[in-house]
PDB file of all heavy atoms in Angstrom:
ATOM      1  N   HIS A   1      -5.658  13.220  -6.990  1.00  0.00           N
ATOM      2  CA  HIS A   1      -6.867  13.127  -7.799  1.00  0.00           C
ATOM      3  C   HIS A   1      -6.582  12.298  -9.025  1.00  0.00           C
ATOM      4  O   HIS A   1      -5.468  12.281  -9.555  1.00  0.00           O
ATOM      5  CB  HIS A   1      -7.321  14.522  -8.246  1.00  0.00           C
ATOM      6  CG  HIS A   1      -8.197  15.168  -7.229  1.00  0.00           C
ATOM      7  ND1 HIS A   1      -9.539  15.025  -7.223  1.00  0.00           N
ATOM      8  CD2 HIS A   1      -7.885  15.944  -6.170  1.00  0.00           C
ATOM      9  CE1 HIS A   1     -10.047  15.695  -6.226  1.00  0.00           C
ATOM     10  NE2 HIS A   1      -9.060  16.265  -5.584  1.00  0.00           N
ATOM     11  N   ALA A   2      -7.587  11.635  -9.499  1.00  0.00           N
ATOM     12  CA  ALA A   2      -7.494  10.976 -10.788  1.00  0.00           C
ATOM     13  C   ALA A   2      -7.617  12.021 -11.874  1.00  0.00           C
ATOM     14  O   ALA A   2      -7.854  13.192 -11.628  1.00  0.00           O
ATOM     15  CB  ALA A   2      -8.605   9.935 -10.926  1.00  0.00           C
ATOM     16  N   SER A   3      -7.456  11.568 -13.141  1.00  0.00           N
ATOM     17  CA  SER A   3      -7.493  12.503 -14.254  1.00  0.00           C
ATOM     18  C   SER A   3      -8.841  13.168 -14.407  1.00  0.00           C
ATOM     19  O   SER A   3      -8.958  14.226 -15.006  1.00  0.00           O
ATOM     20  CB  SER A   3      -7.161  11.767 -15.556  1.00  0.00           C
ATOM     21  OG  SER A   3      -8.083  10.708 -15.756  1.00  0.00           O
ATOM     22  N   ASP A   4      -9.921  12.584 -13.892  1.00  0.00           N
ATOM     23  CA  ASP A   4     -11.243  13.188 -14.002  1.00  0.00           C
ATOM     24  C   ASP A   4     -11.529  14.173 -12.897  1.00  0.00           C
ATOM     25  O   ASP A   4     -12.617  14.722 -12.800  1.00  0.00           O
ATOM     26  CB  ASP A   4     -12.327  12.107 -14.015  1.00  0.00           C
ATOM     27  CG  ASP A   4     -12.342  11.302 -12.721  1.00  0.00           C
ATOM     28  OD1 ASP A   4     -11.423  11.477 -11.911  1.00  0.00           O
ATOM     29  OD2 ASP A   4     -13.283  10.514 -12.544  1.00  0.00           O
ATOM     30  N   GLY A   5     -10.560  14.425 -11.992  1.00  0.00           N
ATOM     31  CA  GLY A   5     -10.706  15.446 -10.970  1.00  0.00           C
ATOM     32  C   GLY A   5     -11.313  14.961  -9.684  1.00  0.00           C
ATOM     33  O   GLY A   5     -11.419  15.712  -8.726  1.00  0.00           O
ATOM     34  N   ARG A   6     -11.745  13.719  -9.591  1.00  0.00           N
ATOM     35  CA  ARG A   6     -12.331  13.211  -8.348  1.00  0.00           C
ATOM     36  C   ARG A   6     -11.237  12.676  -7.450  1.00  0.00           C
ATOM     37  O   ARG A   6     -10.222  12.165  -7.903  1.00  0.00           O
ATOM     38  CB  ARG A   6     -13.357  12.123  -8.640  1.00  0.00           C
ATOM     39  CG  ARG A   6     -14.584  12.659  -9.363  1.00  0.00           C
ATOM     40  CD  ARG A   6     -15.649  11.586  -9.408  1.00  0.00           C
ATOM     41  NE  ARG A   6     -16.095  11.248  -8.070  1.00  0.00           N
ATOM     42  CZ  ARG A   6     -17.013  11.935  -7.419  1.00  0.00           C
ATOM     43  NH1 ARG A   6     -17.565  12.982  -7.961  1.00  0.00           N
ATOM     44  NH2 ARG A   6     -17.396  11.553  -6.205  1.00  0.00           N
ATOM     45  N   LEU A   7     -11.461  12.764  -6.166  1.00  0.00           N
ATOM     46  CA  LEU A   7     -10.453  12.377  -5.190  1.00  0.00           C
ATOM     47  C   LEU A   7     -10.296  10.875  -5.183  1.00  0.00           C
ATOM     48  O   LEU A   7     -11.261  10.133  -5.053  1.00  0.00           O
ATOM     49  CB  LEU A   7     -10.892  12.868  -3.809  1.00  0.00           C
ATOM     50  CG  LEU A   7      -9.872  12.690  -2.688  1.00  0.00           C
ATOM     51  CD1 LEU A   7      -8.662  13.534  -2.956  1.00  0.00           C
ATOM     52  CD2 LEU A   7     -10.503  13.050  -1.355  1.00  0.00           C
ATOM     53  N   GLN A   8      -9.071  10.400  -5.354  1.00  0.00           N
ATOM     54  CA  GLN A   8      -8.776   8.975  -5.293  1.00  0.00           C
ATOM     55  C   GLN A   8      -8.445   8.582  -3.869  1.00  0.00           C
ATOM     56  O   GLN A   8      -7.993   9.385  -3.056  1.00  0.00           O
ATOM     57  CB  GLN A   8      -7.579   8.643  -6.207  1.00  0.00           C
ATOM     58  CG  GLN A   8      -7.870   8.869  -7.684  1.00  0.00           C
ATOM     59  CD  GLN A   8      -8.773   7.801  -8.233  1.00  0.00           C
ATOM     60  OE1 GLN A   8      -8.897   6.744  -7.636  1.00  0.00           O
ATOM     61  NE2 GLN A   8      -9.419   8.070  -9.345  1.00  0.00           N
ATOM     62  N   SER A   9      -8.629   7.298  -3.550  1.00  0.00           N
ATOM     63  CA  SER A   9      -8.270   6.798  -2.231  1.00  0.00           C
ATOM     64  C   SER A   9      -6.769   6.717  -2.102  1.00  0.00           C
ATOM     65  O   SER A   9      -6.043   6.423  -3.055  1.00  0.00           O
ATOM     66  CB  SER A   9      -8.880   5.411  -2.025  1.00  0.00           C
ATOM     67  OG  SER A   9     -10.287   5.489  -2.121  1.00  0.00           O
ATOM     68  N   ALA A  10      -6.258   6.954  -0.890  1.00  0.00           N
ATOM     69  CA  ALA A  10      -4.823   6.904  -0.660  1.00  0.00           C
ATOM     70  C   ALA A  10      -4.359   5.468  -0.704  1.00  0.00           C
ATOM     71  O   ALA A  10      -5.089   4.528  -0.413  1.00  0.00           O
ATOM     72  CB  ALA A  10      -4.491   7.522   0.696  1.00  0.00           C
ATOM     73  N   ALA A  11      -3.087   5.284  -1.078  1.00  0.00           N
ATOM     74  CA  ALA A  11      -2.516   3.944  -1.073  1.00  0.00           C
ATOM     75  C   ALA A  11      -2.463   3.432   0.355  1.00  0.00           C
ATOM     76  O   ALA A  11      -1.928   4.100   1.240  1.00  0.00           O
ATOM     77  CB  ALA A  11      -1.115   3.987  -1.664  1.00  0.00           C
ATOM     78  N   PRO A  12      -3.056   2.287   0.631  1.00  0.00           N
ATOM     79  CA  PRO A  12      -3.135   1.837   2.025  1.00  0.00           C
ATOM     80  C   PRO A  12      -1.794   1.355   2.544  1.00  0.00           C
ATOM     81  O   PRO A  12      -1.033   0.706   1.846  1.00  0.00           O
ATOM     82  CB  PRO A  12      -4.151   0.701   1.963  1.00  0.00           C
ATOM     83  CG  PRO A  12      -4.010   0.168   0.582  1.00  0.00           C
ATOM     84  CD  PRO A  12      -3.663   1.329  -0.289  1.00  0.00           C
ATOM     85  N   GLY A  13      -1.542   1.664   3.795  1.00  0.00           N
ATOM     86  CA  GLY A  13      -0.396   1.075   4.466  1.00  0.00           C
ATOM     87  C   GLY A  13      -0.806  -0.227   5.107  1.00  0.00           C
ATOM     88  O   GLY A  13      -1.875  -0.767   4.895  1.00  0.00           O
ATOM     89  N   ALA A  14       0.014  -0.750   5.945  1.00  0.00           N
ATOM     90  CA  ALA A  14      -0.322  -2.008   6.615  1.00  0.00           C
ATOM     91  C   ALA A  14      -1.325  -1.736   7.706  1.00  0.00           C
ATOM     92  O   ALA A  14      -1.134  -0.872   8.545  1.00  0.00           O
ATOM     93  CB  ALA A  14       0.940  -2.625   7.203  1.00  0.00           C
ATOM     94  N   ALA A  15      -2.437  -2.428   7.678  1.00  0.00           N
ATOM     95  CA  ALA A  15      -3.466  -2.248   8.694  1.00  0.00           C
ATOM     96  C   ALA A  15      -3.179  -3.148   9.881  1.00  0.00           C
ATOM     97  O   ALA A  15      -2.338  -4.040   9.833  1.00  0.00           O
ATOM     98  CB  ALA A  15      -4.841  -2.550   8.107  1.00  0.00           C
ATOM     99  N   GLN A  16      -3.934  -2.863  10.945  1.00  0.00           N
ATOM    100  CA  GLN A  16      -3.774  -3.717  12.108  1.00  0.00           C
ATOM    101  C   GLN A  16      -4.248  -5.110  11.748  1.00  0.00           C
ATOM    102  O   GLN A  16      -5.272  -5.306  11.129  1.00  0.00           O
ATOM    103  CB  GLN A  16      -4.605  -3.170  13.265  1.00  0.00           C
ATOM    104  CG  GLN A  16      -4.111  -1.822  13.766  1.00  0.00           C
ATOM    105  CD  GLN A  16      -4.950  -1.338  14.905  1.00  0.00           C
ATOM    106  OE1 GLN A  16      -5.906  -1.992  15.296  1.00  0.00           O
ATOM    107  NE2 GLN A  16      -4.562  -0.199  15.450  1.00  0.00           N
ATOM    108  N   GLY A  17      -3.467  -6.086  12.155  1.00  0.00           N
ATOM    109  CA  GLY A  17      -3.831  -7.471  11.894  1.00  0.00           C
ATOM    110  C   GLY A  17      -3.258  -8.008  10.606  1.00  0.00           C
ATOM    111  O   GLY A  17      -3.499  -9.158  10.274  1.00  0.00           O
ATOM    112  N   GLU A  18      -2.504  -7.175   9.821  1.00  0.00           N
ATOM    113  CA  GLU A  18      -1.911  -7.701   8.600  1.00  0.00           C
ATOM    114  C   GLU A  18      -0.726  -8.610   8.957  1.00  0.00           C
ATOM    115  O   GLU A  18      -0.003  -8.381   9.936  1.00  0.00           O
ATOM    116  CB  GLU A  18      -1.410  -6.548   7.722  1.00  0.00           C
ATOM    117  CG  GLU A  18      -2.510  -5.816   6.981  1.00  0.00           C
ATOM    118  CD  GLU A  18      -1.914  -4.822   6.015  1.00  0.00           C
ATOM    119  OE1 GLU A  18      -0.808  -4.331   6.309  1.00  0.00           O
ATOM    120  OE2 GLU A  18      -2.531  -4.555   4.993  1.00  0.00           O
ATOM    121  N   ARG A  19      -0.536  -9.560   8.109  1.00  0.00           N
ATOM    122  CA  ARG A  19       0.608 -10.436   8.315  1.00  0.00           C
ATOM    123  C   ARG A  19       1.863  -9.748   7.818  1.00  0.00           C
ATOM    124  O   ARG A  19       1.870  -9.148   6.749  1.00  0.00           O
ATOM    125  CB  ARG A  19       0.394 -11.745   7.553  1.00  0.00           C
ATOM    126  CG  ARG A  19      -0.713 -12.610   8.138  1.00  0.00           C
ATOM    127  CD  ARG A  19      -0.924 -13.835   7.296  1.00  0.00           C
ATOM    128  NE  ARG A  19      -1.386 -13.459   5.965  1.00  0.00           N
ATOM    129  CZ  ARG A  19      -1.567 -14.340   4.983  1.00  0.00           C
ATOM    130  NH1 ARG A  19      -1.290 -15.622   5.182  1.00  0.00           N
ATOM    131  NH2 ARG A  19      -2.009 -13.944   3.806  1.00  0.00           N
ATOM    132  N   PRO A  20       2.997  -9.864   8.539  1.00  0.00           N
ATOM    133  CA  PRO A  20       4.228  -9.215   8.089  1.00  0.00           C
ATOM    134  C   PRO A  20       4.738  -9.886   6.828  1.00  0.00           C
ATOM    135  O   PRO A  20       4.620 -11.089   6.640  1.00  0.00           O
ATOM    136  CB  PRO A  20       5.187  -9.394   9.268  1.00  0.00           C
ATOM    137  CG  PRO A  20       4.673 -10.593   9.991  1.00  0.00           C
ATOM    138  CD  PRO A  20       3.180 -10.573   9.838  1.00  0.00           C
ATOM    139  N   ALA A  21       5.335  -9.056   5.961  1.00  0.00           N
ATOM    140  CA  ALA A  21       5.899  -9.594   4.725  1.00  0.00           C
ATOM    141  C   ALA A  21       7.202 -10.306   5.036  1.00  0.00           C
ATOM    142  O   ALA A  21       7.926  -9.949   5.964  1.00  0.00           O
ATOM    143  CB  ALA A  21       6.153  -8.462   3.735  1.00  0.00           C
ATOM    144  N   PRO A  22       7.547 -11.337   4.284  1.00  0.00           N
ATOM    145  CA  PRO A  22       8.825 -12.008   4.501  1.00  0.00           C
ATOM    146  C   PRO A  22       9.988 -11.082   4.230  1.00  0.00           C
ATOM    147  O   PRO A  22       9.888 -10.108   3.509  1.00  0.00           O
ATOM    148  CB  PRO A  22       8.766 -13.176   3.505  1.00  0.00           C
ATOM    149  CG  PRO A  22       7.731 -12.792   2.515  1.00  0.00           C
ATOM    150  CD  PRO A  22       6.764 -11.968   3.238  1.00  0.00           C
ATOM    151  N   ALA A  23      11.127 -11.424   4.836  1.00  0.00           N
ATOM    152  CA  ALA A  23      12.303 -10.571   4.710  1.00  0.00           C
ATOM    153  C   ALA A  23      12.746 -10.465   3.259  1.00  0.00           C
ATOM    154  O   ALA A  23      13.293  -9.465   2.834  1.00  0.00           O
ATOM    155  CB  ALA A  23      13.453 -11.109   5.578  1.00  0.00           C
ATOM    156  N   ALA A  24      12.552 -11.515   2.497  1.00  0.00           N
ATOM    157  CA  ALA A  24      12.975 -11.472   1.095  1.00  0.00           C
ATOM    158  C   ALA A  24      12.240 -10.406   0.314  1.00  0.00           C
ATOM    159  O   ALA A  24      12.731  -9.900  -0.658  1.00  0.00           O
ATOM    160  CB  ALA A  24      12.768 -12.847   0.458  1.00  0.00           C
ATOM    161  N   ALA A  25      10.995 -10.083   0.779  1.00  0.00           N
ATOM    162  CA  ALA A  25      10.220  -9.086   0.048  1.00  0.00           C
ATOM    163  C   ALA A  25      10.889  -7.734   0.117  1.00  0.00           C
ATOM    164  O   ALA A  25      10.980  -7.005  -0.844  1.00  0.00           O
ATOM    165  CB  ALA A  25       8.808  -9.017   0.633  1.00  0.00           C
ATOM    166  N   ALA A  26      11.346  -7.325   1.324  1.00  0.00           N
ATOM    167  CA  ALA A  26      12.006  -6.036   1.484  1.00  0.00           C
ATOM    168  C   ALA A  26      13.274  -6.001   0.665  1.00  0.00           C
ATOM    169  O   ALA A  26      13.584  -5.009   0.010  1.00  0.00           O
ATOM    170  CB  ALA A  26      12.303  -5.780   2.949  1.00  0.00           C
ATOM    171  N   GLY A  27      14.045  -7.082   0.679  1.00  0.00           N
ATOM    172  CA  GLY A  27      15.269  -7.092  -0.114  1.00  0.00           C
ATOM    173  C   GLY A  27      14.973  -7.010  -1.589  1.00  0.00           C
ATOM    174  O   GLY A  27      15.698  -6.358  -2.341  1.00  0.00           O
ATOM    175  N   LYS A  28      13.898  -7.663  -2.014  1.00  0.00           N
ATOM    176  CA  LYS A  28      13.521  -7.591  -3.408  1.00  0.00           C
ATOM    177  C   LYS A  28      13.163  -6.182  -3.818  1.00  0.00           C
ATOM    178  O   LYS A  28      13.521  -5.685  -4.886  1.00  0.00           O
ATOM    179  CB  LYS A  28      12.338  -8.517  -3.629  1.00  0.00           C
ATOM    180  CG  LYS A  28      11.855  -8.590  -5.070  1.00  0.00           C
ATOM    181  CD  LYS A  28      12.825  -9.315  -5.962  1.00  0.00           C
ATOM    182  CE  LYS A  28      12.265  -9.483  -7.379  1.00  0.00           C
ATOM    183  NZ  LYS A  28      13.195 -10.179  -8.262  1.00  0.00           N
ATOM    184  N   ALA A  29      12.377  -5.478  -2.914  1.00  0.00           N
ATOM    185  CA  ALA A  29      11.953  -4.117  -3.237  1.00  0.00           C
ATOM    186  C   ALA A  29      13.134  -3.190  -3.306  1.00  0.00           C
ATOM    187  O   ALA A  29      13.165  -2.267  -4.099  1.00  0.00           O
ATOM    188  CB  ALA A  29      10.949  -3.626  -2.195  1.00  0.00           C
TER     189      ALA A  29
END
């Protein structure tokens, strides 16, 4: 929930059809 008590949307994962992230991105993270 946000601070005002209303339900927030979940952080989205990768949806179908998303382009894969480059390998450097994972190493950076």
